[in-house]
Amino acid sequence: MSIVEVKVPQLSESVAEATMLTWKKKAGEAVAIDEILIEIETDKVVLEVPAPAAGVLAEIVQGDGATVVAEQLIAKIDTEGKAGAAAPAAAPAAAAPAPAAAPAAAAAAATGGAKSDVAMPAA
């Protein structure tokens, strides 16, 4: 098992710490090299943290909202991807219901939007 560490990028000179925003991947999910894993916000800018290697996100060391400093370890990637064998197979299955649900939600919103302009008896 080969582990690659994901660290906070170098911050500007006047910035001492940053805040982790929302992780785009969960532990156990496959990641591609240079895929954005998380955004980190400082007083001046929002930085994107790309995956330094392809593999499986083995561990998230710092969670959403954590305060971090430059070069701090925030996650670990398993480059051999043994645990990720199930993750890529599960990803398409999980993605398939979402597009089917989206048109239904859009249709419901369109129908609901049309009726919202009509005064109902309770009004």
PDB file of N, CA and C in Angstrom:
ATOM      1  N   MET A   1       0.852  -1.180   0.000  1.00  0.00           N
ATOM      2  CA  MET A   1       0.000   0.000   0.000  1.00  0.00           C
ATOM      3  C   MET A   1       0.890   1.232   0.000  1.00  0.00           C
ATOM      4  N   SER A   2       0.752   2.053  -1.019  1.00  0.00           N
ATOM      5  CA  SER A   2       1.558   3.263  -1.134  1.00  0.00           C
ATOM      6  C   SER A   2       0.667   4.475  -0.829  1.00  0.00           C
ATOM      7  N   ILE A   3       1.027   5.230   0.190  1.00  0.00           N
ATOM      8  CA  ILE A   3       0.223   6.369   0.626  1.00  0.00           C
ATOM      9  C   ILE A   3       0.896   7.679   0.209  1.00  0.00           C
ATOM     10  N   VAL A   4       0.110   8.567  -0.396  1.00  0.00           N
ATOM     11  CA  VAL A   4       0.575   9.905  -0.747  1.00  0.00           C
ATOM     12  C   VAL A   4      -0.166  10.878   0.156  1.00  0.00           C
ATOM     13  N   GLU A   5       0.576  11.789   0.760  1.00  0.00           N
ATOM     14  CA  GLU A   5      -0.039  12.770   1.657  1.00  0.00           C
ATOM     15  C   GLU A   5      -0.530  13.977   0.877  1.00  0.00           C
ATOM     16  N   VAL A   6      -1.723  14.461   1.247  1.00  0.00           N
ATOM     17  CA  VAL A   6      -2.279  15.689   0.677  1.00  0.00           C
ATOM     18  C   VAL A   6      -2.081  16.758   1.731  1.00  0.00           C
ATOM     19  N   LYS A   7      -1.393  17.833   1.350  1.00  0.00           N
ATOM     20  CA  LYS A   7      -1.101  18.901   2.312  1.00  0.00           C
ATOM     21  C   LYS A   7      -1.684  20.225   1.850  1.00  0.00           C
ATOM     22  N   VAL A   8      -1.851  21.132   2.808  1.00  0.00           N
ATOM     23  CA  VAL A   8      -2.315  22.485   2.514  1.00  0.00           C
ATOM     24  C   VAL A   8      -1.242  23.162   1.665  1.00  0.00           C
ATOM     25  N   PRO A   9      -1.632  23.826   0.563  1.00  0.00           N
ATOM     26  CA  PRO A   9      -0.624  24.527  -0.239  1.00  0.00           C
ATOM     27  C   PRO A   9      -0.009  25.702   0.520  1.00  0.00           C
ATOM     28  N   GLN A  10       1.091  26.200   0.011  1.00  0.00           N
ATOM     29  CA  GLN A  10       1.762  27.345   0.621  1.00  0.00           C
ATOM     30  C   GLN A  10       0.822  28.543   0.593  1.00  0.00           C
ATOM     31  N   LEU A  11       0.653  29.193   1.734  1.00  0.00           N
ATOM     32  CA  LEU A  11      -0.200  30.372   1.839  1.00  0.00           C
ATOM     33  C   LEU A  11       0.658  31.613   1.635  1.00  0.00           C
ATOM     34  N   SER A  12       0.038  32.751   1.346  1.00  0.00           N
ATOM     35  CA  SER A  12       0.813  33.976   1.158  1.00  0.00           C
ATOM     36  C   SER A  12       1.479  34.397   2.469  1.00  0.00           C
ATOM     37  N   GLU A  13       2.453  35.270   2.389  1.00  0.00           N
ATOM     38  CA  GLU A  13       3.244  35.663   3.558  1.00  0.00           C
ATOM     39  C   GLU A  13       2.411  36.239   4.696  1.00  0.00           C
ATOM     40  N   SER A  14       1.416  37.040   4.380  1.00  0.00           N
ATOM     41  CA  SER A  14       0.642  37.712   5.420  1.00  0.00           C
ATOM     42  C   SER A  14      -0.497  36.853   5.980  1.00  0.00           C
ATOM     43  N   VAL A  15      -0.676  35.650   5.441  1.00  0.00           N
ATOM     44  CA  VAL A  15      -1.764  34.784   5.884  1.00  0.00           C
ATOM     45  C   VAL A  15      -1.190  33.646   6.729  1.00  0.00           C
ATOM     46  N   ALA A  16      -1.664  33.542   7.961  1.00  0.00           N
ATOM     47  CA  ALA A  16      -1.147  32.527   8.878  1.00  0.00           C
ATOM     48  C   ALA A  16      -1.948  31.227   8.813  1.00  0.00           C
ATOM     49  N   GLU A  17      -3.275  31.327   8.599  1.00  0.00           N
ATOM     50  CA  GLU A  17      -4.107  30.135   8.615  1.00  0.00           C
ATOM     51  C   GLU A  17      -5.233  30.249   7.596  1.00  0.00           C
ATOM     52  N   ALA A  18      -5.872  29.116   7.350  1.00  0.00           N
ATOM     53  CA  ALA A  18      -6.963  29.054   6.384  1.00  0.00           C
ATOM     54  C   ALA A  18      -8.053  28.142   6.929  1.00  0.00           C
ATOM     55  N   THR A  19      -9.235  28.219   6.325  1.00  0.00           N
ATOM     56  CA  THR A  19     -10.370  27.395   6.737  1.00  0.00           C
ATOM     57  C   THR A  19     -10.724  26.430   5.616  1.00  0.00           C
ATOM     58  N   MET A  20     -10.900  25.171   5.983  1.00  0.00           N
ATOM     59  CA  MET A  20     -11.280  24.159   5.008  1.00  0.00           C
ATOM     60  C   MET A  20     -12.769  24.318   4.706  1.00  0.00           C
ATOM     61  N   LEU A  21     -13.114  24.324   3.418  1.00  0.00           N
ATOM     62  CA  LEU A  21     -14.517  24.387   3.037  1.00  0.00           C
ATOM     63  C   LEU A  21     -15.038  22.949   2.927  1.00  0.00           C
ATOM     64  N   THR A  22     -15.864  22.622   1.958  1.00  0.00           N
ATOM     65  CA  THR A  22     -16.474  21.299   1.866  1.00  0.00           C
ATOM     66  C   THR A  22     -15.643  20.352   1.003  1.00  0.00           C
ATOM     67  N   TRP A  23     -15.407  19.132   1.511  1.00  0.00           N
ATOM     68  CA  TRP A  23     -14.710  18.106   0.736  1.00  0.00           C
ATOM     69  C   TRP A  23     -15.567  17.717  -0.451  1.00  0.00           C
ATOM     70  N   LYS A  24     -14.964  17.579  -1.615  1.00  0.00           N
ATOM     71  CA  LYS A  24     -15.677  17.181  -2.831  1.00  0.00           C
ATOM     72  C   LYS A  24     -15.717  15.662  -2.969  1.00  0.00           C
ATOM     73  N   LYS A  25     -14.869  14.964  -2.223  1.00  0.00           N
ATOM     74  CA  LYS A  25     -14.817  13.498  -2.231  1.00  0.00           C
ATOM     75  C   LYS A  25     -14.902  13.000  -0.802  1.00  0.00           C
ATOM     76  N   LYS A  26     -15.355  11.754  -0.647  1.00  0.00           N
ATOM     77  CA  LYS A  26     -15.418  11.126   0.668  1.00  0.00           C
ATOM     78  C   LYS A  26     -14.336  10.057   0.758  1.00  0.00           C
ATOM     79  N   ALA A  27     -13.968   9.685   1.962  1.00  0.00           N
ATOM     80  CA  ALA A  27     -12.991   8.621   2.157  1.00  0.00           C
ATOM     81  C   ALA A  27     -13.510   7.350   1.490  1.00  0.00           C
ATOM     82  N   GLY A  28     -12.623   6.680   0.763  1.00  0.00           N
ATOM     83  CA  GLY A  28     -12.994   5.459   0.059  1.00  0.00           C
ATOM     84  C   GLY A  28     -13.336   5.676  -1.398  1.00  0.00           C
ATOM     85  N   GLU A  29     -13.489   6.936  -1.830  1.00  0.00           N
ATOM     86  CA  GLU A  29     -13.818   7.219  -3.225  1.00  0.00           C
ATOM     87  C   GLU A  29     -12.544   7.349  -4.060  1.00  0.00           C
ATOM     88  N   ALA A  30     -12.653   6.952  -5.317  1.00  0.00           N
ATOM     89  CA  ALA A  30     -11.531   7.052  -6.246  1.00  0.00           C
ATOM     90  C   ALA A  30     -11.313   8.519  -6.629  1.00  0.00           C
ATOM     91  N   VAL A  31     -10.041   8.902  -6.787  1.00  0.00           N
ATOM     92  CA  VAL A  31      -9.694  10.252  -7.220  1.00  0.00           C
ATOM     93  C   VAL A  31      -8.697  10.164  -8.370  1.00  0.00           C
ATOM     94  N   ALA A  32      -8.770  11.117  -9.278  1.00  0.00           N
ATOM     95  CA  ALA A  32      -7.833  11.208 -10.397  1.00  0.00           C
ATOM     96  C   ALA A  32      -6.778  12.246 -10.057  1.00  0.00           C
ATOM     97  N   ILE A  33      -5.632  12.129 -10.673  1.00  0.00           N
ATOM     98  CA  ILE A  33      -4.577  13.098 -10.421  1.00  0.00           C
ATOM     99  C   ILE A  33      -5.082  14.485 -10.851  1.00  0.00           C
ATOM    100  N   ASP A  34      -4.780  15.489 -10.076  1.00  0.00           N
ATOM    101  CA  ASP A  34      -5.175  16.893 -10.298  1.00  0.00           C
ATOM    102  C   ASP A  34      -6.672  17.148 -10.157  1.00  0.00           C
ATOM    103  N   GLU A  35      -7.432  16.169  -9.684  1.00  0.00           N
ATOM    104  CA  GLU A  35      -8.848  16.385  -9.412  1.00  0.00           C
ATOM    105  C   GLU A  35      -8.962  17.225  -8.133  1.00  0.00           C
ATOM    106  N   ILE A  36      -9.850  18.216  -8.134  1.00  0.00           N
ATOM    107  CA  ILE A  36      -9.999  19.093  -6.975  1.00  0.00           C
ATOM    108  C   ILE A  36     -10.655  18.311  -5.834  1.00  0.00           C
ATOM    109  N   LEU A  37      -9.963  18.271  -4.685  1.00  0.00           N
ATOM    110  CA  LEU A  37     -10.459  17.542  -3.526  1.00  0.00           C
ATOM    111  C   LEU A  37     -11.232  18.445  -2.582  1.00  0.00           C
ATOM    112  N   ILE A  38     -10.728  19.663  -2.386  1.00  0.00           N
ATOM    113  CA  ILE A  38     -11.340  20.592  -1.437  1.00  0.00           C
ATOM    114  C   ILE A  38     -10.887  22.002  -1.776  1.00  0.00           C
ATOM    115  N   GLU A  39     -11.667  22.971  -1.339  1.00  0.00           N
ATOM    116  CA  GLU A  39     -11.275  24.375  -1.444  1.00  0.00           C
ATOM    117  C   GLU A  39     -10.949  24.866  -0.049  1.00  0.00           C
ATOM    118  N   ILE A  40      -9.907  25.682   0.046  1.00  0.00           N
ATOM    119  CA  ILE A  40      -9.465  26.234   1.326  1.00  0.00           C
ATOM    120  C   ILE A  40      -9.558  27.750   1.219  1.00  0.00           C
ATOM    121  N   GLU A  41     -10.204  28.368   2.207  1.00  0.00           N
ATOM    122  CA  GLU A  41     -10.445  29.806   2.180  1.00  0.00           C
ATOM    123  C   GLU A  41      -9.529  30.529   3.161  1.00  0.00           C
ATOM    124  N   THR A  42      -8.885  31.595   2.676  1.00  0.00           N
ATOM    125  CA  THR A  42      -8.086  32.460   3.541  1.00  0.00           C
ATOM    126  C   THR A  42      -8.765  33.822   3.591  1.00  0.00           C
ATOM    127  N   ASP A  43      -8.140  34.769   4.277  1.00  0.00           N
ATOM    128  CA  ASP A  43      -8.686  36.127   4.336  1.00  0.00           C
ATOM    129  C   ASP A  43      -8.746  36.759   2.951  1.00  0.00           C
ATOM    130  N   LYS A  44      -7.855  36.328   2.073  1.00  0.00           N
ATOM    131  CA  LYS A  44      -7.706  36.998   0.786  1.00  0.00           C
ATOM    132  C   LYS A  44      -8.177  36.201  -0.425  1.00  0.00           C
ATOM    133  N   VAL A  45      -8.150  34.879  -0.343  1.00  0.00           N
ATOM    134  CA  VAL A  45      -8.403  34.082  -1.545  1.00  0.00           C
ATOM    135  C   VAL A  45      -8.938  32.693  -1.178  1.00  0.00           C
ATOM    136  N   VAL A  46      -9.568  32.043  -2.153  1.00  0.00           N
ATOM    137  CA  VAL A  46      -9.996  30.653  -2.002  1.00  0.00           C
ATOM    138  C   VAL A  46      -9.075  29.812  -2.887  1.00  0.00           C
ATOM    139  N   LEU A  47      -8.380  28.855  -2.273  1.00  0.00           N
ATOM    140  CA  LEU A  47      -7.448  27.995  -2.990  1.00  0.00           C
ATOM    141  C   LEU A  47      -8.069  26.633  -3.236  1.00  0.00           C
ATOM    142  N   GLU A  48      -7.837  26.076  -4.428  1.00  0.00           N
ATOM    143  CA  GLU A  48      -8.278  24.720  -4.721  1.00  0.00           C
ATOM    144  C   GLU A  48      -7.124  23.774  -4.443  1.00  0.00           C
ATOM    145  N   VAL A  49      -7.404  22.654  -3.798  1.00  0.00           N
ATOM    146  CA  VAL A  49      -6.372  21.672  -3.495  1.00  0.00           C
ATOM    147  C   VAL A  49      -6.592  20.461  -4.407  1.00  0.00           C
ATOM    148  N   PRO A  50      -5.703  20.253  -5.392  1.00  0.00           N
ATOM    149  CA  PRO A  50      -5.839  19.112  -6.287  1.00  0.00           C
ATOM    150  C   PRO A  50      -5.214  17.856  -5.700  1.00  0.00           C
ATOM    151  N   ALA A  51      -5.638  16.712  -6.193  1.00  0.00           N
ATOM    152  CA  ALA A  51      -5.048  15.439  -5.766  1.00  0.00           C
ATOM    153  C   ALA A  51      -3.644  15.329  -6.362  1.00  0.00           C
ATOM    154  N   PRO A  52      -2.634  15.077  -5.525  1.00  0.00           N
ATOM    155  CA  PRO A  52      -1.265  14.960  -6.032  1.00  0.00           C
ATOM    156  C   PRO A  52      -1.016  13.648  -6.775  1.00  0.00           C
ATOM    157  N   ALA A  53      -1.921  12.675  -6.642  1.00  0.00           N
ATOM    158  CA  ALA A  53      -1.775  11.386  -7.303  1.00  0.00           C
ATOM    159  C   ALA A  53      -3.154  10.759  -7.490  1.00  0.00           C
ATOM    160  N   ALA A  54      -3.238   9.823  -8.417  1.00  0.00           N
ATOM    161  CA  ALA A  54      -4.482   9.087  -8.620  1.00  0.00           C
ATOM    162  C   ALA A  54      -4.533   7.925  -7.633  1.00  0.00           C
ATOM    163  N   GLY A  55      -5.725   7.545  -7.239  1.00  0.00           N
ATOM    164  CA  GLY A  55      -5.891   6.429  -6.311  1.00  0.00           C
ATOM    165  C   GLY A  55      -7.215   6.515  -5.592  1.00  0.00           C
ATOM    166  N   VAL A  56      -7.197   6.130  -4.322  1.00  0.00           N
ATOM    167  CA  VAL A  56      -8.394   6.150  -3.485  1.00  0.00           C
ATOM    168  C   VAL A  56      -8.137   7.055  -2.295  1.00  0.00           C
ATOM    169  N   LEU A  57      -9.087   7.937  -2.002  1.00  0.00           N
ATOM    170  CA  LEU A  57      -8.965   8.806  -0.839  1.00  0.00           C
ATOM    171  C   LEU A  57      -9.079   7.923   0.402  1.00  0.00           C
ATOM    172  N   ALA A  58      -7.932   7.585   0.987  1.00  0.00           N
ATOM    173  CA  ALA A  58      -7.888   6.625   2.089  1.00  0.00           C
ATOM    174  C   ALA A  58      -8.366   7.218   3.406  1.00  0.00           C
ATOM    175  N   GLU A  59      -7.994   8.483   3.666  1.00  0.00           N
ATOM    176  CA  GLU A  59      -8.335   9.092   4.957  1.00  0.00           C
ATOM    177  C   GLU A  59      -8.417  10.602   4.817  1.00  0.00           C
ATOM    178  N   ILE A  60      -9.424  11.184   5.446  1.00  0.00           N
ATOM    179  CA  ILE A  60      -9.526  12.645   5.560  1.00  0.00           C
ATOM    180  C   ILE A  60      -9.086  12.981   6.973  1.00  0.00           C
ATOM    181  N   VAL A  61      -7.958  13.685   7.098  1.00  0.00           N
ATOM    182  CA  VAL A  61      -7.383  13.996   8.402  1.00  0.00           C
ATOM    183  C   VAL A  61      -8.052  15.233   9.011  1.00  0.00           C
ATOM    184  N   GLN A  62      -8.332  16.241   8.192  1.00  0.00           N
ATOM    185  CA  GLN A  62      -8.980  17.477   8.642  1.00  0.00           C
ATOM    186  C   GLN A  62     -10.334  17.602   7.954  1.00  0.00           C
ATOM    187  N   GLY A  63     -11.395  17.720   8.734  1.00  0.00           N
ATOM    188  CA  GLY A  63     -12.747  17.784   8.186  1.00  0.00           C
ATOM    189  C   GLY A  63     -13.159  19.173   7.747  1.00  0.00           C
ATOM    190  N   ASP A  64     -14.380  19.268   7.235  1.00  0.00           N
ATOM    191  CA  ASP A  64     -14.956  20.542   6.799  1.00  0.00           C
ATOM    192  C   ASP A  64     -14.935  21.551   7.939  1.00  0.00           C
ATOM    193  N   GLY A  65     -14.556  22.780   7.637  1.00  0.00           N
ATOM    194  CA  GLY A  65     -14.568  23.847   8.630  1.00  0.00           C
ATOM    195  C   GLY A  65     -13.344  23.916   9.528  1.00  0.00           C
ATOM    196  N   ALA A  66     -12.422  22.974   9.389  1.00  0.00           N
ATOM    197  CA  ALA A  66     -11.217  22.976  10.235  1.00  0.00           C
ATOM    198  C   ALA A  66     -10.296  24.136   9.856  1.00  0.00           C
ATOM    199  N   THR A  67      -9.576  24.651  10.831  1.00  0.00           N
ATOM    200  CA  THR A  67      -8.586  25.694  10.596  1.00  0.00           C
ATOM    201  C   THR A  67      -7.231  25.012  10.431  1.00  0.00           C
ATOM    202  N   VAL A  68      -6.542  25.354   9.324  1.00  0.00           N
ATOM    203  CA  VAL A  68      -5.273  24.706   8.997  1.00  0.00           C
ATOM    204  C   VAL A  68      -4.204  25.742   8.684  1.00  0.00           C
ATOM    205  N   VAL A  69      -2.950  25.289   8.677  1.00  0.00           N
ATOM    206  CA  VAL A  69      -1.812  26.148   8.317  1.00  0.00           C
ATOM    207  C   VAL A  69      -1.114  25.536   7.111  1.00  0.00           C
ATOM    208  N   ALA A  70      -0.225  26.296   6.483  1.00  0.00           N
ATOM    209  CA  ALA A  70       0.504  25.836   5.304  1.00  0.00           C
ATOM    210  C   ALA A  70       1.254  24.548   5.590  1.00  0.00           C
ATOM    211  N   GLU A  71       1.254  23.659   4.615  1.00  0.00           N
ATOM    212  CA  GLU A  71       1.969  22.379   4.671  1.00  0.00           C
ATOM    213  C   GLU A  71       1.409  21.399   5.698  1.00  0.00           C
ATOM    214  N   GLN A  72       0.241  21.661   6.256  1.00  0.00           N
ATOM    215  CA  GLN A  72      -0.372  20.733   7.214  1.00  0.00           C
ATOM    216  C   GLN A  72      -1.017  19.577   6.461  1.00  0.00           C
ATOM    217  N   LEU A  73      -0.889  18.368   6.986  1.00  0.00           N
ATOM    218  CA  LEU A  73      -1.491  17.175   6.399  1.00  0.00           C
ATOM    219  C   LEU A  73      -3.009  17.257   6.538  1.00  0.00           C
ATOM    220  N   ILE A  74      -3.730  17.086   5.410  1.00  0.00           N
ATOM    221  CA  ILE A  74      -5.195  17.143   5.467  1.00  0.00           C
ATOM    222  C   ILE A  74      -5.862  15.850   4.998  1.00  0.00           C
ATOM    223  N   ALA A  75      -5.131  15.028   4.216  1.00  0.00           N
ATOM    224  CA  ALA A  75      -5.711  13.772   3.733  1.00  0.00           C
ATOM    225  C   ALA A  75      -4.605  12.836   3.260  1.00  0.00           C
ATOM    226  N   LYS A  76      -5.002  11.577   3.015  1.00  0.00           N
ATOM    227  CA  LYS A  76      -4.067  10.573   2.500  1.00  0.00           C
ATOM    228  C   LYS A  76      -4.735   9.841   1.343  1.00  0.00           C
ATOM    229  N   ILE A  77      -3.938   9.595   0.289  1.00  0.00           N
ATOM    230  CA  ILE A  77      -4.428   8.889  -0.888  1.00  0.00           C
ATOM    231  C   ILE A  77      -3.656   7.583  -1.036  1.00  0.00           C
ATOM    232  N   ASP A  78      -4.378   6.480  -1.210  1.00  0.00           N
ATOM    233  CA  ASP A  78      -3.770   5.173  -1.469  1.00  0.00           C
ATOM    234  C   ASP A  78      -3.635   5.044  -2.988  1.00  0.00           C
ATOM    235  N   THR A  79      -2.399   5.102  -3.496  1.00  0.00           N
ATOM    236  CA  THR A  79      -2.176   5.087  -4.939  1.00  0.00           C
ATOM    237  C   THR A  79      -2.385   3.724  -5.572  1.00  0.00           C
ATOM    238  N   GLU A  80      -2.356   2.666  -4.780  1.00  0.00           N
ATOM    239  CA  GLU A  80      -2.595   1.333  -5.331  1.00  0.00           C
ATOM    240  C   GLU A  80      -4.077   1.079  -5.543  1.00  0.00           C
ATOM    241  N   GLY A  81      -4.913   1.827  -4.843  1.00  0.00           N
ATOM    242  CA  GLY A  81      -6.352   1.800  -5.074  1.00  0.00           C
ATOM    243  C   GLY A  81      -7.039   0.481  -4.786  1.00  0.00           C
ATOM    244  N   LYS A  82      -6.528  -0.332  -3.875  1.00  0.00           N
ATOM    245  CA  LYS A  82      -7.155  -1.619  -3.544  1.00  0.00           C
ATOM    246  C   LYS A  82      -8.573  -1.414  -3.022  1.00  0.00           C
ATOM    247  N   ALA A  83      -8.747  -0.444  -2.133  1.00  0.00           N
ATOM    248  CA  ALA A  83     -10.069  -0.186  -1.555  1.00  0.00           C
ATOM    249  C   ALA A  83     -10.990   0.451  -2.582  1.00  0.00           C
ATOM    250  N   GLY A  84     -10.426   1.048  -3.627  1.00  0.00           N
ATOM    251  CA  GLY A  84     -11.224   1.762  -4.624  1.00  0.00           C
ATOM    252  C   GLY A  84     -11.848   0.869  -5.677  1.00  0.00           C
ATOM    253  N   ALA A  85     -11.582  -0.440  -5.664  1.00  0.00           N
ATOM    254  CA  ALA A  85     -12.151  -1.321  -6.672  1.00  0.00           C
ATOM    255  C   ALA A  85     -13.674  -1.279  -6.639  1.00  0.00           C
ATOM    256  N   ALA A  86     -14.251  -1.175  -5.457  1.00  0.00           N
ATOM    257  CA  ALA A  86     -15.704  -1.107  -5.344  1.00  0.00           C
ATOM    258  C   ALA A  86     -16.220   0.309  -5.591  1.00  0.00           C
ATOM    259  N   ALA A  87     -15.436   1.324  -5.289  1.00  0.00           N
ATOM    260  CA  ALA A  87     -15.893   2.710  -5.423  1.00  0.00           C
ATOM    261  C   ALA A  87     -16.206   3.094  -6.863  1.00  0.00           C
ATOM    262  N   PRO A  88     -15.332   2.798  -7.866  1.00  0.00           N
ATOM    263  CA  PRO A  88     -15.692   3.170  -9.233  1.00  0.00           C
ATOM    264  C   PRO A  88     -16.937   2.431  -9.718  1.00  0.00           C
ATOM    265  N   ALA A  89     -17.130   1.192  -9.307  1.00  0.00           N
ATOM    266  CA  ALA A  89     -18.312   0.447  -9.728  1.00  0.00           C
ATOM    267  C   ALA A  89     -19.562   1.041  -9.098  1.00  0.00           C
ATOM    268  N   ALA A  90     -19.456   1.522  -7.876  1.00  0.00           N
ATOM    269  CA  ALA A  90     -20.611   2.107  -7.196  1.00  0.00           C
ATOM    270  C   ALA A  90     -20.931   3.503  -7.721  1.00  0.00           C
ATOM    271  N   ALA A  91     -19.944   4.226  -8.198  1.00  0.00           N
ATOM    272  CA  ALA A  91     -20.158   5.601  -8.656  1.00  0.00           C
ATOM    273  C   ALA A  91     -21.154   5.687  -9.811  1.00  0.00           C
ATOM    274  N   PRO A  92     -21.030   4.882 -10.895  1.00  0.00           N
ATOM    275  CA  PRO A  92     -22.018   4.983 -11.963  1.00  0.00           C
ATOM    276  C   PRO A  92     -23.420   4.587 -11.498  1.00  0.00           C
ATOM    277  N   ALA A  93     -23.521   3.605 -10.619  1.00  0.00           N
ATOM    278  CA  ALA A  93     -24.826   3.188 -10.123  1.00  0.00           C
ATOM    279  C   ALA A  93     -25.463   4.299  -9.306  1.00  0.00           C
ATOM    280  N   ALA A  94     -24.649   5.002  -8.521  1.00  0.00           N
ATOM    281  CA  ALA A  94     -25.168   6.107  -7.713  1.00  0.00           C
ATOM    282  C   ALA A  94     -25.526   7.291  -8.596  1.00  0.00           C
ATOM    283  N   ALA A  95     -24.786   7.484  -9.682  1.00  0.00           N
ATOM    284  CA  ALA A  95     -25.036   8.621 -10.566  1.00  0.00           C
ATOM    285  C   ALA A  95     -26.279   8.403 -11.419  1.00  0.00           C
ATOM    286  N   ALA A  96     -26.629   7.169 -11.732  1.00  0.00           N
ATOM    287  CA  ALA A  96     -27.765   6.883 -12.604  1.00  0.00           C
ATOM    288  C   ALA A  96     -29.101   7.375 -12.043  1.00  0.00           C
ATOM    289  N   PRO A  97     -29.426   7.179 -10.758  1.00  0.00           N
ATOM    290  CA  PRO A  97     -30.713   7.659 -10.263  1.00  0.00           C
ATOM    291  C   PRO A  97     -30.819   9.186 -10.234  1.00  0.00           C
ATOM    292  N   ALA A  98     -29.722   9.870 -10.088  1.00  0.00           N
ATOM    293  CA  ALA A  98     -29.762  11.331  -9.995  1.00  0.00           C
ATOM    294  C   ALA A  98     -30.322  11.981 -11.256  1.00  0.00           C
ATOM    295  N   PRO A  99     -29.858  11.618 -12.481  1.00  0.00           N
ATOM    296  CA  PRO A  99     -30.457  12.226 -13.665  1.00  0.00           C
ATOM    297  C   PRO A  99     -31.935  11.888 -13.815  1.00  0.00           C
ATOM    298  N   ALA A 100     -32.333  10.699 -13.417  1.00  0.00           N
ATOM    299  CA  ALA A 100     -33.744  10.331 -13.512  1.00  0.00           C
ATOM    300  C   ALA A 100     -34.580  11.164 -12.546  1.00  0.00           C
ATOM    301  N   ALA A 101     -34.033  11.463 -11.381  1.00  0.00           N
ATOM    302  CA  ALA A 101     -34.745  12.253 -10.386  1.00  0.00           C
ATOM    303  C   ALA A 101     -34.800  13.728 -10.778  1.00  0.00           C
ATOM    304  N   ALA A 102     -33.794  14.209 -11.481  1.00  0.00           N
ATOM    305  CA  ALA A 102     -33.739  15.625 -11.838  1.00  0.00           C
ATOM    306  C   ALA A 102     -34.906  16.055 -12.724  1.00  0.00           C
ATOM    307  N   PRO A 103     -35.252  15.314 -13.805  1.00  0.00           N
ATOM    308  CA  PRO A 103     -36.409  15.740 -14.607  1.00  0.00           C
ATOM    309  C   PRO A 103     -37.709  15.710 -13.805  1.00  0.00           C
ATOM    310  N   ALA A 104     -37.853  14.735 -12.919  1.00  0.00           N
ATOM    311  CA  ALA A 104     -39.061  14.667 -12.105  1.00  0.00           C
ATOM    312  C   ALA A 104     -39.143  15.883 -11.185  1.00  0.00           C
ATOM    313  N   ALA A 105     -38.016  16.268 -10.600  1.00  0.00           N
ATOM    314  CA  ALA A 105     -37.987  17.439  -9.728  1.00  0.00           C
ATOM    315  C   ALA A 105     -38.258  18.707 -10.533  1.00  0.00           C
ATOM    316  N   ALA A 106     -37.700  18.780 -11.741  1.00  0.00           N
ATOM    317  CA  ALA A 106     -37.918  19.956 -12.597  1.00  0.00           C
ATOM    318  C   ALA A 106     -39.385  20.043 -13.005  1.00  0.00           C
ATOM    319  N   ALA A 107     -39.989  18.904 -13.325  1.00  0.00           N
ATOM    320  CA  ALA A 107     -41.403  18.887 -13.702  1.00  0.00           C
ATOM    321  C   ALA A 107     -42.274  19.311 -12.521  1.00  0.00           C
ATOM    322  N   ALA A 108     -41.927  18.830 -11.330  1.00  0.00           N
ATOM    323  CA  ALA A 108     -42.694  19.203 -10.142  1.00  0.00           C
ATOM    324  C   ALA A 108     -42.539  20.691  -9.854  1.00  0.00           C
ATOM    325  N   ALA A 109     -41.341  21.220 -10.043  1.00  0.00           N
ATOM    326  CA  ALA A 109     -41.116  22.646  -9.809  1.00  0.00           C
ATOM    327  C   ALA A 109     -41.879  23.479 -10.827  1.00  0.00           C
ATOM    328  N   ALA A 110     -41.902  23.023 -12.082  1.00  0.00           N
ATOM    329  CA  ALA A 110     -42.625  23.758 -13.118  1.00  0.00           C
ATOM    330  C   ALA A 110     -44.126  23.739 -12.836  1.00  0.00           C
ATOM    331  N   THR A 111     -44.633  22.607 -12.427  1.00  0.00           N
ATOM    332  CA  THR A 111     -46.054  22.493 -12.111  1.00  0.00           C
ATOM    333  C   THR A 111     -46.385  23.348 -10.889  1.00  0.00           C
ATOM    334  N   GLY A 112     -45.546  23.264  -9.880  1.00  0.00           N
ATOM    335  CA  GLY A 112     -45.756  24.042  -8.660  1.00  0.00           C
ATOM    336  C   GLY A 112     -45.665  25.537  -8.942  1.00  0.00           C
ATOM    337  N   GLY A 113     -44.765  25.931  -9.846  1.00  0.00           N
ATOM    338  CA  GLY A 113     -44.590  27.340 -10.189  1.00  0.00           C
ATOM    339  C   GLY A 113     -45.824  27.891 -10.886  1.00  0.00           C
ATOM    340  N   ALA A 114     -46.469  27.064 -11.741  1.00  0.00           N
ATOM    341  CA  ALA A 114     -47.646  27.505 -12.478  1.00  0.00           C
ATOM    342  C   ALA A 114     -48.822  27.729 -11.524  1.00  0.00           C
ATOM    343  N   LYS A 115     -48.953  26.907 -10.507  1.00  0.00           N
ATOM    344  CA  LYS A 115     -50.065  27.024  -9.567  1.00  0.00           C
ATOM    345  C   LYS A 115     -49.825  28.097  -8.502  1.00  0.00           C
ATOM    346  N   SER A 116     -48.596  28.508  -8.324  1.00  0.00           N
ATOM    347  CA  SER A 116     -48.324  29.493  -7.276  1.00  0.00           C
ATOM    348  C   SER A 116     -48.891  30.865  -7.610  1.00  0.00           C
ATOM    349  N   ASP A 117     -49.166  31.105  -8.890  1.00  0.00           N
ATOM    350  CA  ASP A 117     -49.735  32.402  -9.288  1.00  0.00           C
ATOM    351  C   ASP A 117     -51.260  32.427  -9.157  1.00  0.00           C
ATOM    352  N   VAL A 118     -51.864  31.277  -8.912  1.00  0.00           N
ATOM    353  CA  VAL A 118     -53.320  31.181  -8.834  1.00  0.00           C
ATOM    354  C   VAL A 118     -53.732  31.297  -7.374  1.00  0.00           C
ATOM    355  N   ALA A 119     -54.724  32.157  -7.095  1.00  0.00           N
ATOM    356  CA  ALA A 119     -55.233  32.281  -5.730  1.00  0.00           C
ATOM    357  C   ALA A 119     -56.057  31.058  -5.375  1.00  0.00           C
ATOM    358  N   MET A 120     -55.718  30.469  -4.272  1.00  0.00           N
ATOM    359  CA  MET A 120     -56.440  29.270  -3.807  1.00  0.00           C
ATOM    360  C   MET A 120     -57.546  29.709  -2.865  1.00  0.00           C
ATOM    361  N   PRO A 121     -58.543  28.858  -2.606  1.00  0.00           N
ATOM    362  CA  PRO A 121     -59.661  29.215  -1.736  1.00  0.00           C
ATOM    363  C   PRO A 121     -59.227  29.662  -0.331  1.00  0.00           C
ATOM    364  N   ALA A 122     -58.111  29.126   0.176  1.00  0.00           N
ATOM    365  CA  ALA A 122     -57.662  29.508   1.514  1.00  0.00           C
ATOM    366  C   ALA A 122     -57.213  30.963   1.557  1.00  0.00           C
ATOM    367  N   ALA A 123     -56.899  31.529   0.397  1.00  0.00           N
ATOM    368  CA  ALA A 123     -56.439  32.911   0.353  1.00  0.00           C
ATOM    369  C   ALA A 123     -57.626  33.800   0.509  1.00  0.00           C
TER     370      ALA A 123
END
